[in-house]
Amino acid sequence: MADFVVRIPRVSVAISEAELVDLLVADGAPVTEGEPLFVIATDKVESEILAGGTGVVRWSGSIGTVYEIGEEIGKIEATG
């Protein structure tokens, strides 16, 4: 299995960036695809983003930082 790159998703066609407001899974912790992974804010609307893969989370993004849509903020390292 390959690693899954975690990126800031496009939640609306009208936005070009989003703030990372919360990490729901700690760095180094396991996550299963479909579980809540992180929260972003756009135009004062918060969206909970689900994990797109299963494995161990490794964050490179920081809470409170504004990122462009599609920018990498971490990865889910495949296990097994």
PDB file of N, CA and C in Angstrom:
ATOM      1  N   MET A   1       0.833  -1.192   0.000  1.00  0.00           N
ATOM      2  CA  MET A   1       0.000   0.000   0.000  1.00  0.00           C
ATOM      3  C   MET A   1       0.874   1.250   0.000  1.00  0.00           C
ATOM      4  N   ALA A   2       0.410   2.295  -0.650  1.00  0.00           N
ATOM      5  CA  ALA A   2       1.155   3.546  -0.738  1.00  0.00           C
ATOM      6  C   ALA A   2       0.677   4.529   0.330  1.00  0.00           C
ATOM      7  N   ASP A   3       1.547   5.480   0.647  1.00  0.00           N
ATOM      8  CA  ASP A   3       1.168   6.543   1.569  1.00  0.00           C
ATOM      9  C   ASP A   3       0.102   7.418   0.921  1.00  0.00           C
ATOM     10  N   PHE A   4      -0.743   8.036   1.754  1.00  0.00           N
ATOM     11  CA  PHE A   4      -1.787   8.946   1.286  1.00  0.00           C
ATOM     12  C   PHE A   4      -1.383  10.360   1.676  1.00  0.00           C
ATOM     13  N   VAL A   5      -1.261  11.251   0.704  1.00  0.00           N
ATOM     14  CA  VAL A   5      -0.904  12.643   0.977  1.00  0.00           C
ATOM     15  C   VAL A   5      -2.158  13.392   1.430  1.00  0.00           C
ATOM     16  N   VAL A   6      -2.048  14.096   2.559  1.00  0.00           N
ATOM     17  CA  VAL A   6      -3.159  14.876   3.103  1.00  0.00           C
ATOM     18  C   VAL A   6      -3.007  16.308   2.593  1.00  0.00           C
ATOM     19  N   ARG A   7      -4.035  16.795   1.913  1.00  0.00           N
ATOM     20  CA  ARG A   7      -4.009  18.145   1.337  1.00  0.00           C
ATOM     21  C   ARG A   7      -5.232  18.933   1.790  1.00  0.00           C
ATOM     22  N   ILE A   8      -5.117  20.254   1.723  1.00  0.00           N
ATOM     23  CA  ILE A   8      -6.266  21.115   1.994  1.00  0.00           C
ATOM     24  C   ILE A   8      -7.258  20.925   0.847  1.00  0.00           C
ATOM     25  N   PRO A   9      -8.478  20.472   1.143  1.00  0.00           N
ATOM     26  CA  PRO A   9      -9.440  20.201   0.073  1.00  0.00           C
ATOM     27  C   PRO A   9     -10.202  21.448  -0.367  1.00  0.00           C
ATOM     28  N   ARG A  10     -10.756  21.388  -1.554  1.00  0.00           N
ATOM     29  CA  ARG A  10     -11.646  22.451  -2.028  1.00  0.00           C
ATOM     30  C   ARG A  10     -13.047  22.105  -1.545  1.00  0.00           C
ATOM     31  N   VAL A  11     -13.574  22.907  -0.632  1.00  0.00           N
ATOM     32  CA  VAL A  11     -14.919  22.657  -0.118  1.00  0.00           C
ATOM     33  C   VAL A  11     -15.963  23.561  -0.774  1.00  0.00           C
ATOM     34  N   SER A  12     -15.474  24.516  -1.583  1.00  0.00           N
ATOM     35  CA  SER A  12     -16.359  25.414  -2.324  1.00  0.00           C
ATOM     36  C   SER A  12     -15.592  25.942  -3.531  1.00  0.00           C
ATOM     37  N   VAL A  13     -16.282  26.155  -4.632  1.00  0.00           N
ATOM     38  CA  VAL A  13     -15.610  26.666  -5.830  1.00  0.00           C
ATOM     39  C   VAL A  13     -15.156  28.107  -5.653  1.00  0.00           C
ATOM     40  N   ALA A  14     -15.711  28.802  -4.671  1.00  0.00           N
ATOM     41  CA  ALA A  14     -15.422  30.224  -4.494  1.00  0.00           C
ATOM     42  C   ALA A  14     -14.195  30.487  -3.616  1.00  0.00           C
ATOM     43  N   ILE A  15     -13.561  29.454  -3.073  1.00  0.00           N
ATOM     44  CA  ILE A  15     -12.430  29.689  -2.175  1.00  0.00           C
ATOM     45  C   ILE A  15     -11.114  29.259  -2.817  1.00  0.00           C
ATOM     46  N   SER A  16     -10.043  29.918  -2.378  1.00  0.00           N
ATOM     47  CA  SER A  16      -8.717  29.568  -2.879  1.00  0.00           C
ATOM     48  C   SER A  16      -7.759  29.205  -1.750  1.00  0.00           C
ATOM     49  N   GLU A  17      -8.199  29.410  -0.495  1.00  0.00           N
ATOM     50  CA  GLU A  17      -7.364  29.086   0.649  1.00  0.00           C
ATOM     51  C   GLU A  17      -8.242  28.768   1.855  1.00  0.00           C
ATOM     52  N   ALA A  18      -7.626  28.117   2.850  1.00  0.00           N
ATOM     53  CA  ALA A  18      -8.354  27.755   4.068  1.00  0.00           C
ATOM     54  C   ALA A  18      -7.374  27.729   5.232  1.00  0.00           C
ATOM     55  N   GLU A  19      -7.883  28.016   6.421  1.00  0.00           N
ATOM     56  CA  GLU A  19      -7.067  27.967   7.631  1.00  0.00           C
ATOM     57  C   GLU A  19      -7.210  26.596   8.283  1.00  0.00           C
ATOM     58  N   LEU A  20      -6.099  26.021   8.677  1.00  0.00           N
ATOM     59  CA  LEU A  20      -6.105  24.764   9.429  1.00  0.00           C
ATOM     60  C   LEU A  20      -6.381  25.124  10.882  1.00  0.00           C
ATOM     61  N   VAL A  21      -7.560  24.741  11.404  1.00  0.00           N
ATOM     62  CA  VAL A  21      -7.944  25.175  12.744  1.00  0.00           C
ATOM     63  C   VAL A  21      -7.843  24.085  13.806  1.00  0.00           C
ATOM     64  N   ASP A  22      -7.810  22.817  13.418  1.00  0.00           N
ATOM     65  CA  ASP A  22      -7.689  21.753  14.414  1.00  0.00           C
ATOM     66  C   ASP A  22      -7.215  20.461  13.758  1.00  0.00           C
ATOM     67  N   LEU A  23      -6.375  19.741  14.491  1.00  0.00           N
ATOM     68  CA  LEU A  23      -5.935  18.400  14.093  1.00  0.00           C
ATOM     69  C   LEU A  23      -6.655  17.418  15.009  1.00  0.00           C
ATOM     70  N   LEU A  24      -7.485  16.552  14.468  1.00  0.00           N
ATOM     71  CA  LEU A  24      -8.308  15.655  15.274  1.00  0.00           C
ATOM     72  C   LEU A  24      -7.607  14.343  15.585  1.00  0.00           C
ATOM     73  N   VAL A  25      -6.471  14.084  14.926  1.00  0.00           N
ATOM     74  CA  VAL A  25      -5.663  12.888  15.161  1.00  0.00           C
ATOM     75  C   VAL A  25      -4.234  13.370  15.413  1.00  0.00           C
ATOM     76  N   ALA A  26      -3.641  12.913  16.496  1.00  0.00           N
ATOM     77  CA  ALA A  26      -2.286  13.341  16.862  1.00  0.00           C
ATOM     78  C   ALA A  26      -1.244  12.810  15.888  1.00  0.00           C
ATOM     79  N   ASP A  27      -0.144  13.544  15.763  1.00  0.00           N
ATOM     80  CA  ASP A  27       0.977  13.090  14.945  1.00  0.00           C
ATOM     81  C   ASP A  27       1.476  11.756  15.486  1.00  0.00           C
ATOM     82  N   GLY A  28       1.625  10.773  14.603  1.00  0.00           N
ATOM     83  CA  GLY A  28       2.094   9.447  15.000  1.00  0.00           C
ATOM     84  C   GLY A  28       0.992   8.493  15.420  1.00  0.00           C
ATOM     85  N   ALA A  29      -0.243   8.983  15.443  1.00  0.00           N
ATOM     86  CA  ALA A  29      -1.377   8.142  15.844  1.00  0.00           C
ATOM     87  C   ALA A  29      -1.988   7.459  14.618  1.00  0.00           C
ATOM     88  N   PRO A  30      -2.615   6.301  14.834  1.00  0.00           N
ATOM     89  CA  PRO A  30      -3.270   5.613  13.714  1.00  0.00           C
ATOM     90  C   PRO A  30      -4.618   6.242  13.377  1.00  0.00           C
ATOM     91  N   VAL A  31      -5.002   6.105  12.110  1.00  0.00           N
ATOM     92  CA  VAL A  31      -6.306   6.578  11.657  1.00  0.00           C
ATOM     93  C   VAL A  31      -6.825   5.582  10.624  1.00  0.00           C
ATOM     94  N   THR A  32      -8.148   5.476  10.558  1.00  0.00           N
ATOM     95  CA  THR A  32      -8.799   4.613   9.575  1.00  0.00           C
ATOM     96  C   THR A  32      -9.519   5.494   8.561  1.00  0.00           C
ATOM     97  N   GLU A  33      -9.466   5.107   7.299  1.00  0.00           N
ATOM     98  CA  GLU A  33     -10.139   5.860   6.245  1.00  0.00           C
ATOM     99  C   GLU A  33     -11.584   6.137   6.634  1.00  0.00           C
ATOM    100  N   GLY A  34     -12.006   7.386   6.461  1.00  0.00           N
ATOM    101  CA  GLY A  34     -13.377   7.787   6.778  1.00  0.00           C
ATOM    102  C   GLY A  34     -13.545   8.398   8.149  1.00  0.00           C
ATOM    103  N   GLU A  35     -12.528   8.292   9.005  1.00  0.00           N
ATOM    104  CA  GLU A  35     -12.594   8.913  10.338  1.00  0.00           C
ATOM    105  C   GLU A  35     -12.270  10.398  10.225  1.00  0.00           C
ATOM    106  N   PRO A  36     -12.840  11.237  11.125  1.00  0.00           N
ATOM    107  CA  PRO A  36     -12.498  12.663  11.132  1.00  0.00           C
ATOM    108  C   PRO A  36     -10.998  12.850  11.353  1.00  0.00           C
ATOM    109  N   LEU A  37     -10.369  13.714  10.525  1.00  0.00           N
ATOM    110  CA  LEU A  37      -8.922  13.876  10.564  1.00  0.00           C
ATOM    111  C   LEU A  37      -8.487  15.280  10.971  1.00  0.00           C
ATOM    112  N   PHE A  38      -9.113  16.304  10.359  1.00  0.00           N
ATOM    113  CA  PHE A  38      -8.762  17.684  10.696  1.00  0.00           C
ATOM    114  C   PHE A  38      -9.919  18.610  10.358  1.00  0.00           C
ATOM    115  N   VAL A  39      -9.797  19.880  10.809  1.00  0.00           N
ATOM    116  CA  VAL A  39     -10.843  20.875  10.590  1.00  0.00           C
ATOM    117  C   VAL A  39     -10.214  22.086   9.911  1.00  0.00           C
ATOM    118  N   ILE A  40     -10.894  22.588   8.866  1.00  0.00           N
ATOM    119  CA  ILE A  40     -10.470  23.813   8.201  1.00  0.00           C
ATOM    120  C   ILE A  40     -11.567  24.857   8.314  1.00  0.00           C
ATOM    121  N   ALA A  41     -11.165  26.124   8.180  1.00  0.00           N
ATOM    122  CA  ALA A  41     -12.121  27.228   8.196  1.00  0.00           C
ATOM    123  C   ALA A  41     -11.967  28.037   6.919  1.00  0.00           C
ATOM    124  N   THR A  42     -13.109  28.317   6.288  1.00  0.00           N
ATOM    125  CA  THR A  42     -13.144  29.171   5.099  1.00  0.00           C
ATOM    126  C   THR A  42     -14.298  30.141   5.264  1.00  0.00           C
ATOM    127  N   ASP A  43     -14.027  31.423   5.115  1.00  0.00           N
ATOM    128  CA  ASP A  43     -15.084  32.439   5.254  1.00  0.00           C
ATOM    129  C   ASP A  43     -15.907  32.233   6.519  1.00  0.00           C
ATOM    130  N   LYS A  44     -15.231  31.892   7.602  1.00  0.00           N
ATOM    131  CA  LYS A  44     -15.843  31.699   8.923  1.00  0.00           C
ATOM    132  C   LYS A  44     -16.748  30.467   9.011  1.00  0.00           C
ATOM    133  N   VAL A  45     -16.643  29.571   8.040  1.00  0.00           N
ATOM    134  CA  VAL A  45     -17.360  28.301   8.079  1.00  0.00           C
ATOM    135  C   VAL A  45     -16.339  27.199   8.305  1.00  0.00           C
ATOM    136  N   GLU A  46     -16.557  26.380   9.332  1.00  0.00           N
ATOM    137  CA  GLU A  46     -15.634  25.281   9.618  1.00  0.00           C
ATOM    138  C   GLU A  46     -16.131  23.989   8.981  1.00  0.00           C
ATOM    139  N   SER A  47     -15.192  23.214   8.442  1.00  0.00           N
ATOM    140  CA  SER A  47     -15.517  21.935   7.814  1.00  0.00           C
ATOM    141  C   SER A  47     -14.612  20.852   8.391  1.00  0.00           C
ATOM    142  N   GLU A  48     -15.224  19.751   8.807  1.00  0.00           N
ATOM    143  CA  GLU A  48     -14.467  18.597   9.295  1.00  0.00           C
ATOM    144  C   GLU A  48     -14.114  17.733   8.087  1.00  0.00           C
ATOM    145  N   ILE A  49     -12.839  17.402   7.960  1.00  0.00           N
ATOM    146  CA  ILE A  49     -12.349  16.633   6.817  1.00  0.00           C
ATOM    147  C   ILE A  49     -12.022  15.214   7.268  1.00  0.00           C
ATOM    148  N   LEU A  50     -12.460  14.243   6.485  1.00  0.00           N
ATOM    149  CA  LEU A  50     -12.265  12.838   6.830  1.00  0.00           C
ATOM    150  C   LEU A  50     -10.974  12.302   6.229  1.00  0.00           C
ATOM    151  N   ALA A  51     -10.414  11.294   6.882  1.00  0.00           N
ATOM    152  CA  ALA A  51      -9.196  10.648   6.396  1.00  0.00           C
ATOM    153  C   ALA A  51      -9.465   9.951   5.073  1.00  0.00           C
ATOM    154  N   GLY A  52      -8.531  10.109   4.138  1.00  0.00           N
ATOM    155  CA  GLY A  52      -8.664   9.486   2.826  1.00  0.00           C
ATOM    156  C   GLY A  52      -7.901   8.180   2.710  1.00  0.00           C
ATOM    157  N   GLY A  53      -7.314   7.750   3.819  1.00  0.00           N
ATOM    158  CA  GLY A  53      -6.551   6.508   3.823  1.00  0.00           C
ATOM    159  C   GLY A  53      -6.422   5.982   5.242  1.00  0.00           C
ATOM    160  N   THR A  54      -5.842   4.790   5.366  1.00  0.00           N
ATOM    161  CA  THR A  54      -5.640   4.154   6.665  1.00  0.00           C
ATOM    162  C   THR A  54      -4.145   4.023   6.919  1.00  0.00           C
ATOM    163  N   GLY A  55      -3.719   4.349   8.132  1.00  0.00           N
ATOM    164  CA  GLY A  55      -2.310   4.233   8.494  1.00  0.00           C
ATOM    165  C   GLY A  55      -1.967   5.138   9.653  1.00  0.00           C
ATOM    166  N   VAL A  56      -0.712   5.592   9.696  1.00  0.00           N
ATOM    167  CA  VAL A  56      -0.213   6.452  10.767  1.00  0.00           C
ATOM    168  C   VAL A  56      -0.084   7.874  10.228  1.00  0.00           C
ATOM    169  N   VAL A  57      -0.633   8.839  10.980  1.00  0.00           N
ATOM    170  CA  VAL A  57      -0.645  10.238  10.560  1.00  0.00           C
ATOM    171  C   VAL A  57       0.694  10.909  10.868  1.00  0.00           C
ATOM    172  N   ARG A  58       1.207  11.655   9.883  1.00  0.00           N
ATOM    173  CA  ARG A  58       2.417  12.470  10.044  1.00  0.00           C
ATOM    174  C   ARG A  58       2.080  13.874   9.529  1.00  0.00           C
ATOM    175  N   TRP A  59       1.961  14.820  10.466  1.00  0.00           N
ATOM    176  CA  TRP A  59       1.587  16.184  10.090  1.00  0.00           C
ATOM    177  C   TRP A  59       2.801  17.014   9.708  1.00  0.00           C
ATOM    178  N   SER A  60       2.661  17.837   8.669  1.00  0.00           N
ATOM    179  CA  SER A  60       3.658  18.845   8.322  1.00  0.00           C
ATOM    180  C   SER A  60       3.049  20.244   8.414  1.00  0.00           C
ATOM    181  N   GLY A  61       1.721  20.328   8.469  1.00  0.00           N
ATOM    182  CA  GLY A  61       1.015  21.604   8.600  1.00  0.00           C
ATOM    183  C   GLY A  61       0.878  22.016  10.050  1.00  0.00           C
ATOM    184  N   SER A  62       0.574  23.295  10.262  1.00  0.00           N
ATOM    185  CA  SER A  62       0.447  23.855  11.605  1.00  0.00           C
ATOM    186  C   SER A  62      -0.909  24.510  11.796  1.00  0.00           C
ATOM    187  N   ILE A  63      -1.501  24.302  12.965  1.00  0.00           N
ATOM    188  CA  ILE A  63      -2.774  24.935  13.317  1.00  0.00           C
ATOM    189  C   ILE A  63      -2.580  26.452  13.283  1.00  0.00           C
ATOM    190  N   GLY A  64      -3.579  27.144  12.743  1.00  0.00           N
ATOM    191  CA  GLY A  64      -3.552  28.599  12.672  1.00  0.00           C
ATOM    192  C   GLY A  64      -2.940  29.143  11.392  1.00  0.00           C
ATOM    193  N   THR A  65      -2.436  28.265  10.551  1.00  0.00           N
ATOM    194  CA  THR A  65      -1.820  28.678   9.289  1.00  0.00           C
ATOM    195  C   THR A  65      -2.842  28.608   8.163  1.00  0.00           C
ATOM    196  N   VAL A  66      -2.788  29.587   7.260  1.00  0.00           N
ATOM    197  CA  VAL A  66      -3.656  29.601   6.085  1.00  0.00           C
ATOM    198  C   VAL A  66      -2.894  28.965   4.926  1.00  0.00           C
ATOM    199  N   TYR A  67      -3.533  28.000   4.276  1.00  0.00           N
ATOM    200  CA  TYR A  67      -2.924  27.256   3.172  1.00  0.00           C
ATOM    201  C   TYR A  67      -3.740  27.416   1.901  1.00  0.00           C
ATOM    202  N   GLU A  68      -3.063  27.352   0.761  1.00  0.00           N
ATOM    203  CA  GLU A  68      -3.732  27.334  -0.532  1.00  0.00           C
ATOM    204  C   GLU A  68      -4.441  25.985  -0.689  1.00  0.00           C
ATOM    205  N   ILE A  69      -5.534  25.971  -1.435  1.00  0.00           N
ATOM    206  CA  ILE A  69      -6.238  24.730  -1.735  1.00  0.00           C
ATOM    207  C   ILE A  69      -5.273  23.785  -2.455  1.00  0.00           C
ATOM    208  N   GLY A  70      -5.228  22.541  -2.014  1.00  0.00           N
ATOM    209  CA  GLY A  70      -4.358  21.550  -2.630  1.00  0.00           C
ATOM    210  C   GLY A  70      -2.988  21.442  -1.981  1.00  0.00           C
ATOM    211  N   GLU A  71      -2.670  22.363  -1.070  1.00  0.00           N
ATOM    212  CA  GLU A  71      -1.355  22.333  -0.426  1.00  0.00           C
ATOM    213  C   GLU A  71      -1.269  21.159   0.554  1.00  0.00           C
ATOM    214  N   GLU A  72      -0.114  20.503   0.563  1.00  0.00           N
ATOM    215  CA  GLU A  72       0.107  19.354   1.434  1.00  0.00           C
ATOM    216  C   GLU A  72       0.276  19.805   2.881  1.00  0.00           C
ATOM    217  N   ILE A  73      -0.440  19.123   3.801  1.00  0.00           N
ATOM    218  CA  ILE A  73      -0.308  19.432   5.226  1.00  0.00           C
ATOM    219  C   ILE A  73       0.099  18.199   6.036  1.00  0.00           C
ATOM    220  N   GLY A  74       0.308  17.092   5.364  1.00  0.00           N
ATOM    221  CA  GLY A  74       0.733  15.868   6.050  1.00  0.00           C
ATOM    222  C   GLY A  74       0.568  14.664   5.163  1.00  0.00           C
ATOM    223  N   LYS A  75       0.730  13.499   5.789  1.00  0.00           N
ATOM    224  CA  LYS A  75       0.512  12.263   5.055  1.00  0.00           C
ATOM    225  C   LYS A  75       0.050  11.183   6.026  1.00  0.00           C
ATOM    226  N   ILE A  76      -0.566  10.179   5.460  1.00  0.00           N
ATOM    227  CA  ILE A  76      -0.957   8.998   6.205  1.00  0.00           C
ATOM    228  C   ILE A  76      -0.071   7.880   5.676  1.00  0.00           C
ATOM    229  N   GLU A  77       0.846   7.432   6.526  1.00  0.00           N
ATOM    230  CA  GLU A  77       1.788   6.382   6.134  1.00  0.00           C
ATOM    231  C   GLU A  77       1.109   5.017   6.230  1.00  0.00           C
ATOM    232  N   ALA A  78       1.096   4.301   5.135  1.00  0.00           N
ATOM    233  CA  ALA A  78       0.484   2.975   5.097  1.00  0.00           C
ATOM    234  C   ALA A  78       1.242   2.037   6.036  1.00  0.00           C
ATOM    235  N   THR A  79       0.521   1.192   6.719  1.00  0.00           N
ATOM    236  CA  THR A  79       1.135   0.219   7.629  1.00  0.00           C
ATOM    237  C   THR A  79       0.828  -1.189   7.132  1.00  0.00           C
ATOM    238  N   GLY A  80       1.675  -2.117   7.539  1.00  0.00           N
ATOM    239  CA  GLY A  80       1.416  -3.497   7.207  1.00  0.00           C
ATOM    240  C   GLY A  80       2.093  -3.995   6.027  1.00  0.00           C
TER     241      GLY A  80
END
